[in-house]
């Protein structure tokens, strides 16, 4: 049995998931977001040291902004895809290529330098988290960035970063992220989530929603992906 808490950090979500007595934190928001995260923990009477793992869905600044502080406070290990782990350890972030035509004219691409931090667990394609006390796994879901990953629990909950976006303020009625380094891989990653038997999606922007919405979107657009 797991319990899930959505932590609203402005326009981006972080998630706190408890299984047995262990906690995972998914993403850390922007710079200084650690203050909001710690206040959230205090309200629930959760000791920061109970967070055993910090999973970073990808290396954009609104997801890694407070990693260093949360590592220091919790003592947790950080998990990322190896491609972007190697970037952040050098103080770099993946390029953000906008898909919105108007925004693309204004900002052809976005890339930031950061204060580097170490990543203890580097994932390639898939990783079981059973050794860390969680009945869950990490899968590679590229498209938004090369190193985007999703965290999937046995209970069919998936924490997906920005591979799907349901945030009208940014994406309108579209589920397609406004940033995609490899557009063709977005739909392949959607199909991968469907094939995993996921039922509920927990995005970094917007509210939780059913995988059935993505299935309908792909059917409506007659999306065919490679197996």
C-alpha atoms as a PDB file:
ATOM      1  CA  UNK A   1       0.000   0.000   0.000  1.00  0.00           C
ATOM      2  CA  UNK A   2       1.302   3.438  -0.890  1.00  0.00           C
ATOM      3  CA  UNK A   3       0.257   6.959   0.031  1.00  0.00           C
ATOM      4  CA  UNK A   4       0.821   9.852  -2.353  1.00  0.00           C
ATOM      5  CA  UNK A   5       1.094  13.567  -1.631  1.00  0.00           C
ATOM      6  CA  UNK A   6       1.201  16.220  -4.338  1.00  0.00           C
ATOM      7  CA  UNK A   7       3.378  19.180  -3.348  1.00  0.00           C
ATOM      8  CA  UNK A   8       2.486  22.306  -5.340  1.00  0.00           C
ATOM      9  CA  UNK A   9       5.571  24.400  -5.995  1.00  0.00           C
ATOM     10  CA  UNK A  10       4.133  27.211  -8.073  1.00  0.00           C
ATOM     11  CA  UNK A  11       3.401  25.868 -11.539  1.00  0.00           C
ATOM     12  CA  UNK A  12       5.340  22.637 -11.006  1.00  0.00           C
ATOM     13  CA  UNK A  13       4.498  19.586  -8.885  1.00  0.00           C
ATOM     14  CA  UNK A  14       6.719  17.553  -6.641  1.00  0.00           C
ATOM     15  CA  UNK A  15       5.415  14.270  -5.221  1.00  0.00           C
ATOM     16  CA  UNK A  16       6.031  12.515  -1.933  1.00  0.00           C
ATOM     17  CA  UNK A  17       5.272   8.787  -1.964  1.00  0.00           C
ATOM     18  CA  UNK A  18       5.290   6.559   1.103  1.00  0.00           C
ATOM     19  CA  UNK A  19       5.544   2.777   0.957  1.00  0.00           C
ATOM     20  CA  UNK A  20       5.792   1.014   4.320  1.00  0.00           C
ATOM     21  CA  UNK A  21       8.026   3.379   6.303  1.00  0.00           C
ATOM     22  CA  UNK A  22      10.067   4.668   3.359  1.00  0.00           C
ATOM     23  CA  UNK A  23       9.554   7.826   1.313  1.00  0.00           C
ATOM     24  CA  UNK A  24      10.479   8.835  -2.232  1.00  0.00           C
ATOM     25  CA  UNK A  25      10.536  12.472  -3.321  1.00  0.00           C
ATOM     26  CA  UNK A  26       9.909  13.011  -7.038  1.00  0.00           C
ATOM     27  CA  UNK A  27      11.542  16.225  -8.322  1.00  0.00           C
ATOM     28  CA  UNK A  28      12.450  19.259  -6.232  1.00  0.00           C
ATOM     29  CA  UNK A  29      11.046  22.289  -8.059  1.00  0.00           C
ATOM     30  CA  UNK A  30      12.851  25.548  -8.721  1.00  0.00           C
ATOM     31  CA  UNK A  31      15.607  27.230  -6.733  1.00  0.00           C
ATOM     32  CA  UNK A  32      14.623  27.705  -3.073  1.00  0.00           C
ATOM     33  CA  UNK A  33      11.649  25.336  -3.413  1.00  0.00           C
ATOM     34  CA  UNK A  34      13.195  23.218  -0.658  1.00  0.00           C
ATOM     35  CA  UNK A  35      11.701  25.631   1.887  1.00  0.00           C
ATOM     36  CA  UNK A  36       8.174  24.804   0.725  1.00  0.00           C
ATOM     37  CA  UNK A  37       8.949  21.085   0.642  1.00  0.00           C
ATOM     38  CA  UNK A  38      10.285  21.110   4.209  1.00  0.00           C
ATOM     39  CA  UNK A  39       7.257  23.091   5.426  1.00  0.00           C
ATOM     40  CA  UNK A  40       5.025  20.512   3.743  1.00  0.00           C
ATOM     41  CA  UNK A  41       6.853  17.702   5.559  1.00  0.00           C
ATOM     42  CA  UNK A  42       6.522  19.490   8.890  1.00  0.00           C
ATOM     43  CA  UNK A  43       2.766  19.859   8.484  1.00  0.00           C
ATOM     44  CA  UNK A  44       2.545  16.090   8.037  1.00  0.00           C
ATOM     45  CA  UNK A  45       4.982  15.451  10.911  1.00  0.00           C
ATOM     46  CA  UNK A  46       7.365  13.674   8.528  1.00  0.00           C
ATOM     47  CA  UNK A  47      11.052  13.689   9.336  1.00  0.00           C
ATOM     48  CA  UNK A  48      13.105  14.742   6.266  1.00  0.00           C
ATOM     49  CA  UNK A  49      15.576  11.932   7.030  1.00  0.00           C
ATOM     50  CA  UNK A  50      12.785   9.440   6.236  1.00  0.00           C
ATOM     51  CA  UNK A  51      13.138  10.350   2.552  1.00  0.00           C
ATOM     52  CA  UNK A  52      15.414   7.619   1.230  1.00  0.00           C
ATOM     53  CA  UNK A  53      15.417   8.470  -2.471  1.00  0.00           C
ATOM     54  CA  UNK A  54      15.066  11.581  -4.627  1.00  0.00           C
ATOM     55  CA  UNK A  55      13.946  10.670  -8.141  1.00  0.00           C
ATOM     56  CA  UNK A  56      14.531  13.344 -10.776  1.00  0.00           C
ATOM     57  CA  UNK A  57      12.372  12.821 -13.862  1.00  0.00           C
ATOM     58  CA  UNK A  58      14.659  14.996 -16.007  1.00  0.00           C
ATOM     59  CA  UNK A  59      17.239  17.726 -15.709  1.00  0.00           C
ATOM     60  CA  UNK A  60      15.351  20.958 -16.393  1.00  0.00           C
ATOM     61  CA  UNK A  61      15.769  23.692 -13.792  1.00  0.00           C
ATOM     62  CA  UNK A  62      12.157  23.548 -12.536  1.00  0.00           C
ATOM     63  CA  UNK A  63      12.775  19.927 -11.493  1.00  0.00           C
ATOM     64  CA  UNK A  64      16.326  20.048 -10.131  1.00  0.00           C
ATOM     65  CA  UNK A  65      16.425  23.546  -8.648  1.00  0.00           C
ATOM     66  CA  UNK A  66      16.505  22.396  -5.019  1.00  0.00           C
ATOM     67  CA  UNK A  67      18.256  19.030  -5.317  1.00  0.00           C
ATOM     68  CA  UNK A  68      21.403  20.140  -3.502  1.00  0.00           C
ATOM     69  CA  UNK A  69      19.490  21.468  -0.510  1.00  0.00           C
ATOM     70  CA  UNK A  70      17.175  18.456  -0.290  1.00  0.00           C
ATOM     71  CA  UNK A  71      20.168  16.099  -0.437  1.00  0.00           C
ATOM     72  CA  UNK A  72      21.844  17.932   2.422  1.00  0.00           C
ATOM     73  CA  UNK A  73      18.682  18.017   4.541  1.00  0.00           C
ATOM     74  CA  UNK A  74      17.538  14.432   3.951  1.00  0.00           C
ATOM     75  CA  UNK A  75      20.738  12.520   3.262  1.00  0.00           C
ATOM     76  CA  UNK A  76      18.841  10.784   0.438  1.00  0.00           C
ATOM     77  CA  UNK A  77      20.440   9.385  -2.696  1.00  0.00           C
ATOM     78  CA  UNK A  78      19.565  10.993  -6.030  1.00  0.00           C
ATOM     79  CA  UNK A  79      18.414   8.946  -9.027  1.00  0.00           C
ATOM     80  CA  UNK A  80      18.446  10.165 -12.636  1.00  0.00           C
ATOM     81  CA  UNK A  81      18.918   8.819 -16.129  1.00  0.00           C
ATOM     82  CA  UNK A  82      22.633   8.452 -16.823  1.00  0.00           C
ATOM     83  CA  UNK A  83      22.586  10.879 -19.782  1.00  0.00           C
ATOM     84  CA  UNK A  84      21.376  13.822 -17.728  1.00  0.00           C
ATOM     85  CA  UNK A  85      23.107  12.741 -14.538  1.00  0.00           C
ATOM     86  CA  UNK A  86      26.396  13.231 -16.362  1.00  0.00           C
ATOM     87  CA  UNK A  87      25.225  16.704 -17.421  1.00  0.00           C
ATOM     88  CA  UNK A  88      24.177  17.994 -13.998  1.00  0.00           C
ATOM     89  CA  UNK A  89      27.338  16.694 -12.387  1.00  0.00           C
ATOM     90  CA  UNK A  90      29.168  19.105 -14.710  1.00  0.00           C
ATOM     91  CA  UNK A  91      26.762  21.977 -14.018  1.00  0.00           C
ATOM     92  CA  UNK A  92      24.781  21.659 -17.260  1.00  0.00           C
ATOM     93  CA  UNK A  93      21.115  21.025 -18.050  1.00  0.00           C
ATOM     94  CA  UNK A  94      19.516  19.471 -21.159  1.00  0.00           C
ATOM     95  CA  UNK A  95      18.437  21.821 -23.906  1.00  0.00           C
ATOM     96  CA  UNK A  96      14.752  22.743 -23.886  1.00  0.00           C
ATOM     97  CA  UNK A  97      13.414  22.861 -27.459  1.00  0.00           C
ATOM     98  CA  UNK A  98      10.017  24.544 -27.616  1.00  0.00           C
ATOM     99  CA  UNK A  99       7.215  23.036 -29.718  1.00  0.00           C
ATOM    100  CA  UNK A 100       4.895  26.051 -29.558  1.00  0.00           C
ATOM    101  CA  UNK A 101       5.463  28.066 -32.769  1.00  0.00           C
ATOM    102  CA  UNK A 102       5.063  31.484 -31.170  1.00  0.00           C
ATOM    103  CA  UNK A 103       7.287  30.693 -28.200  1.00  0.00           C
ATOM    104  CA  UNK A 104       9.809  29.089 -30.538  1.00  0.00           C
ATOM    105  CA  UNK A 105      10.113  32.364 -32.469  1.00  0.00           C
ATOM    106  CA  UNK A 106      10.861  34.205 -29.228  1.00  0.00           C
ATOM    107  CA  UNK A 107      12.997  31.536 -27.539  1.00  0.00           C
ATOM    108  CA  UNK A 108      14.469  29.065 -30.082  1.00  0.00           C
ATOM    109  CA  UNK A 109      15.866  26.976 -27.230  1.00  0.00           C
ATOM    110  CA  UNK A 110      16.499  27.270 -23.512  1.00  0.00           C
ATOM    111  CA  UNK A 111      19.560  25.981 -21.707  1.00  0.00           C
ATOM    112  CA  UNK A 112      20.886  26.856 -18.252  1.00  0.00           C
ATOM    113  CA  UNK A 113      24.001  26.337 -16.221  1.00  0.00           C
ATOM    114  CA  UNK A 114      23.552  25.216 -12.613  1.00  0.00           C
ATOM    115  CA  UNK A 115      25.584  24.509  -9.511  1.00  0.00           C
ATOM    116  CA  UNK A 116      26.656  20.880 -10.053  1.00  0.00           C
ATOM    117  CA  UNK A 117      25.492  18.086  -7.752  1.00  0.00           C
ATOM    118  CA  UNK A 118      26.299  14.390  -7.513  1.00  0.00           C
ATOM    119  CA  UNK A 119      23.948  11.614  -8.642  1.00  0.00           C
ATOM    120  CA  UNK A 120      24.319   8.313  -6.805  1.00  0.00           C
ATOM    121  CA  UNK A 121      22.021   6.142  -8.937  1.00  0.00           C
ATOM    122  CA  UNK A 122      22.260   6.379 -12.734  1.00  0.00           C
ATOM    123  CA  UNK A 123      19.635   4.560 -14.788  1.00  0.00           C
ATOM    124  CA  UNK A 124      20.007   3.392 -18.370  1.00  0.00           C
ATOM    125  CA  UNK A 125      16.755   1.789 -19.557  1.00  0.00           C
ATOM    126  CA  UNK A 126      14.985   0.239 -16.570  1.00  0.00           C
ATOM    127  CA  UNK A 127      15.664  -0.266 -12.879  1.00  0.00           C
ATOM    128  CA  UNK A 128      13.767  -2.085 -10.128  1.00  0.00           C
ATOM    129  CA  UNK A 129      13.626  -0.187  -6.841  1.00  0.00           C
ATOM    130  CA  UNK A 130      13.095  -3.305  -4.725  1.00  0.00           C
ATOM    131  CA  UNK A 131      16.625  -3.019  -3.322  1.00  0.00           C
ATOM    132  CA  UNK A 132      15.657   0.417  -2.018  1.00  0.00           C
ATOM    133  CA  UNK A 133      12.493  -0.815  -0.295  1.00  0.00           C
ATOM    134  CA  UNK A 134       9.912   0.108  -2.941  1.00  0.00           C
ATOM    135  CA  UNK A 135       7.692  -2.104  -5.091  1.00  0.00           C
ATOM    136  CA  UNK A 136       8.322   0.142  -8.067  1.00  0.00           C
ATOM    137  CA  UNK A 137      10.563   0.614 -11.066  1.00  0.00           C
ATOM    138  CA  UNK A 138      12.060   3.288 -13.268  1.00  0.00           C
ATOM    139  CA  UNK A 139      11.600   3.203 -17.037  1.00  0.00           C
ATOM    140  CA  UNK A 140      13.171   5.391 -19.713  1.00  0.00           C
ATOM    141  CA  UNK A 141      10.540   7.635 -21.351  1.00  0.00           C
ATOM    142  CA  UNK A 142      12.454   9.980 -23.689  1.00  0.00           C
ATOM    143  CA  UNK A 143      11.041  12.681 -25.933  1.00  0.00           C
ATOM    144  CA  UNK A 144      10.704  15.693 -23.673  1.00  0.00           C
ATOM    145  CA  UNK A 145      14.427  15.281 -23.051  1.00  0.00           C
ATOM    146  CA  UNK A 146      16.808  12.462 -23.945  1.00  0.00           C
ATOM    147  CA  UNK A 147      17.042  11.364 -20.327  1.00  0.00           C
ATOM    148  CA  UNK A 148      13.428  11.657 -19.194  1.00  0.00           C
ATOM    149  CA  UNK A 149      12.296   8.836 -16.907  1.00  0.00           C
ATOM    150  CA  UNK A 150       9.065   7.715 -15.246  1.00  0.00           C
ATOM    151  CA  UNK A 151       8.551   6.117 -11.852  1.00  0.00           C
ATOM    152  CA  UNK A 152       5.945   3.328 -11.891  1.00  0.00           C
ATOM    153  CA  UNK A 153       4.523   1.648  -8.802  1.00  0.00           C
ATOM    154  CA  UNK A 154       2.991  -1.819  -8.808  1.00  0.00           C
ATOM    155  CA  UNK A 155      -0.342  -0.197  -7.920  1.00  0.00           C
ATOM    156  CA  UNK A 156      -0.341   1.281 -11.471  1.00  0.00           C
ATOM    157  CA  UNK A 157       0.535   4.852 -10.527  1.00  0.00           C
ATOM    158  CA  UNK A 158       3.117   6.554 -12.778  1.00  0.00           C
ATOM    159  CA  UNK A 159       5.046   9.743 -12.040  1.00  0.00           C
ATOM    160  CA  UNK A 160       5.870  10.968 -15.505  1.00  0.00           C
ATOM    161  CA  UNK A 161       7.632  14.328 -15.388  1.00  0.00           C
ATOM    162  CA  UNK A 162       6.843  16.294 -18.558  1.00  0.00           C
ATOM    163  CA  UNK A 163       6.371  13.451 -21.059  1.00  0.00           C
ATOM    164  CA  UNK A 164       2.656  14.271 -20.939  1.00  0.00           C
ATOM    165  CA  UNK A 165       1.330  17.707 -20.094  1.00  0.00           C
ATOM    166  CA  UNK A 166      -2.169  18.516 -18.897  1.00  0.00           C
ATOM    167  CA  UNK A 167      -1.783  22.154 -17.986  1.00  0.00           C
ATOM    168  CA  UNK A 168      -4.065  24.418 -20.085  1.00  0.00           C
ATOM    169  CA  UNK A 169      -2.181  27.584 -19.138  1.00  0.00           C
ATOM    170  CA  UNK A 170       0.883  26.247 -20.976  1.00  0.00           C
ATOM    171  CA  UNK A 171      -0.347  23.597 -23.392  1.00  0.00           C
ATOM    172  CA  UNK A 172      -3.987  24.502 -24.071  1.00  0.00           C
ATOM    173  CA  UNK A 173      -6.089  21.420 -24.777  1.00  0.00           C
ATOM    174  CA  UNK A 174      -3.106  19.446 -25.999  1.00  0.00           C
ATOM    175  CA  UNK A 175      -1.449  16.674 -23.973  1.00  0.00           C
ATOM    176  CA  UNK A 176       1.742  17.206 -25.942  1.00  0.00           C
ATOM    177  CA  UNK A 177       4.504  18.937 -23.939  1.00  0.00           C
ATOM    178  CA  UNK A 178       5.485  22.443 -25.003  1.00  0.00           C
ATOM    179  CA  UNK A 179       9.108  21.290 -24.889  1.00  0.00           C
ATOM    180  CA  UNK A 180      10.220  18.199 -26.803  1.00  0.00           C
ATOM    181  CA  UNK A 181      13.771  17.487 -27.929  1.00  0.00           C
ATOM    182  CA  UNK A 182      12.591  14.473 -29.968  1.00  0.00           C
ATOM    183  CA  UNK A 183       8.936  14.782 -30.919  1.00  0.00           C
ATOM    184  CA  UNK A 184       8.615  11.319 -32.426  1.00  0.00           C
ATOM    185  CA  UNK A 185       9.679   9.720 -29.148  1.00  0.00           C
ATOM    186  CA  UNK A 186       6.904  11.400 -27.159  1.00  0.00           C
ATOM    187  CA  UNK A 187       4.238   9.081 -28.573  1.00  0.00           C
ATOM    188  CA  UNK A 188       6.525   6.064 -28.208  1.00  0.00           C
ATOM    189  CA  UNK A 189       6.880   6.874 -24.519  1.00  0.00           C
ATOM    190  CA  UNK A 190       3.101   7.275 -24.187  1.00  0.00           C
ATOM    191  CA  UNK A 191       2.703   3.815 -25.720  1.00  0.00           C
ATOM    192  CA  UNK A 192       5.295   2.445 -23.314  1.00  0.00           C
ATOM    193  CA  UNK A 193       3.289   3.734 -20.341  1.00  0.00           C
ATOM    194  CA  UNK A 194       0.127   2.166 -21.751  1.00  0.00           C
ATOM    195  CA  UNK A 195       1.899  -1.156 -22.303  1.00  0.00           C
ATOM    196  CA  UNK A 196       3.121  -1.089 -18.694  1.00  0.00           C
ATOM    197  CA  UNK A 197      -0.513  -1.258 -17.579  1.00  0.00           C
ATOM    198  CA  UNK A 198      -0.415   2.122 -15.851  1.00  0.00           C
ATOM    199  CA  UNK A 199      -3.808   3.525 -14.821  1.00  0.00           C
ATOM    200  CA  UNK A 200      -3.036   6.931 -13.274  1.00  0.00           C
ATOM    201  CA  UNK A 201      -0.596   9.596 -14.449  1.00  0.00           C
ATOM    202  CA  UNK A 202       1.003  12.122 -12.121  1.00  0.00           C
ATOM    203  CA  UNK A 203       2.424  14.946 -14.267  1.00  0.00           C
ATOM    204  CA  UNK A 204       4.843  17.647 -13.211  1.00  0.00           C
ATOM    205  CA  UNK A 205       2.475  20.324 -14.496  1.00  0.00           C
ATOM    206  CA  UNK A 206      -1.252  20.060 -13.879  1.00  0.00           C
ATOM    207  CA  UNK A 207      -3.511  17.584 -12.129  1.00  0.00           C
ATOM    208  CA  UNK A 208      -3.522  13.796 -11.913  1.00  0.00           C
ATOM    209  CA  UNK A 209      -5.442  12.077 -14.726  1.00  0.00           C
ATOM    210  CA  UNK A 210      -6.278   8.691 -16.198  1.00  0.00           C
ATOM    211  CA  UNK A 211      -4.155   6.933 -18.828  1.00  0.00           C
ATOM    212  CA  UNK A 212      -7.411   6.488 -20.744  1.00  0.00           C
ATOM    213  CA  UNK A 213      -7.179  10.147 -21.754  1.00  0.00           C
ATOM    214  CA  UNK A 214      -3.878   9.433 -23.498  1.00  0.00           C
ATOM    215  CA  UNK A 215      -5.299   6.311 -25.128  1.00  0.00           C
ATOM    216  CA  UNK A 216      -8.178   8.397 -26.528  1.00  0.00           C
ATOM    217  CA  UNK A 217      -5.770  11.119 -27.695  1.00  0.00           C
ATOM    218  CA  UNK A 218      -3.627   8.610 -29.585  1.00  0.00           C
ATOM    219  CA  UNK A 219      -6.688   6.977 -31.120  1.00  0.00           C
ATOM    220  CA  UNK A 220      -8.128  10.350 -32.150  1.00  0.00           C
ATOM    221  CA  UNK A 221      -4.867  11.370 -33.823  1.00  0.00           C
ATOM    222  CA  UNK A 222      -4.396   7.878 -35.297  1.00  0.00           C
ATOM    223  CA  UNK A 223      -0.943   7.641 -33.779  1.00  0.00           C
ATOM    224  CA  UNK A 224       0.953   4.496 -34.719  1.00  0.00           C
ATOM    225  CA  UNK A 225       4.240   3.833 -32.933  1.00  0.00           C
ATOM    226  CA  UNK A 226       7.045   1.382 -33.506  1.00  0.00           C
ATOM    227  CA  UNK A 227       7.075  -1.687 -31.261  1.00  0.00           C
END
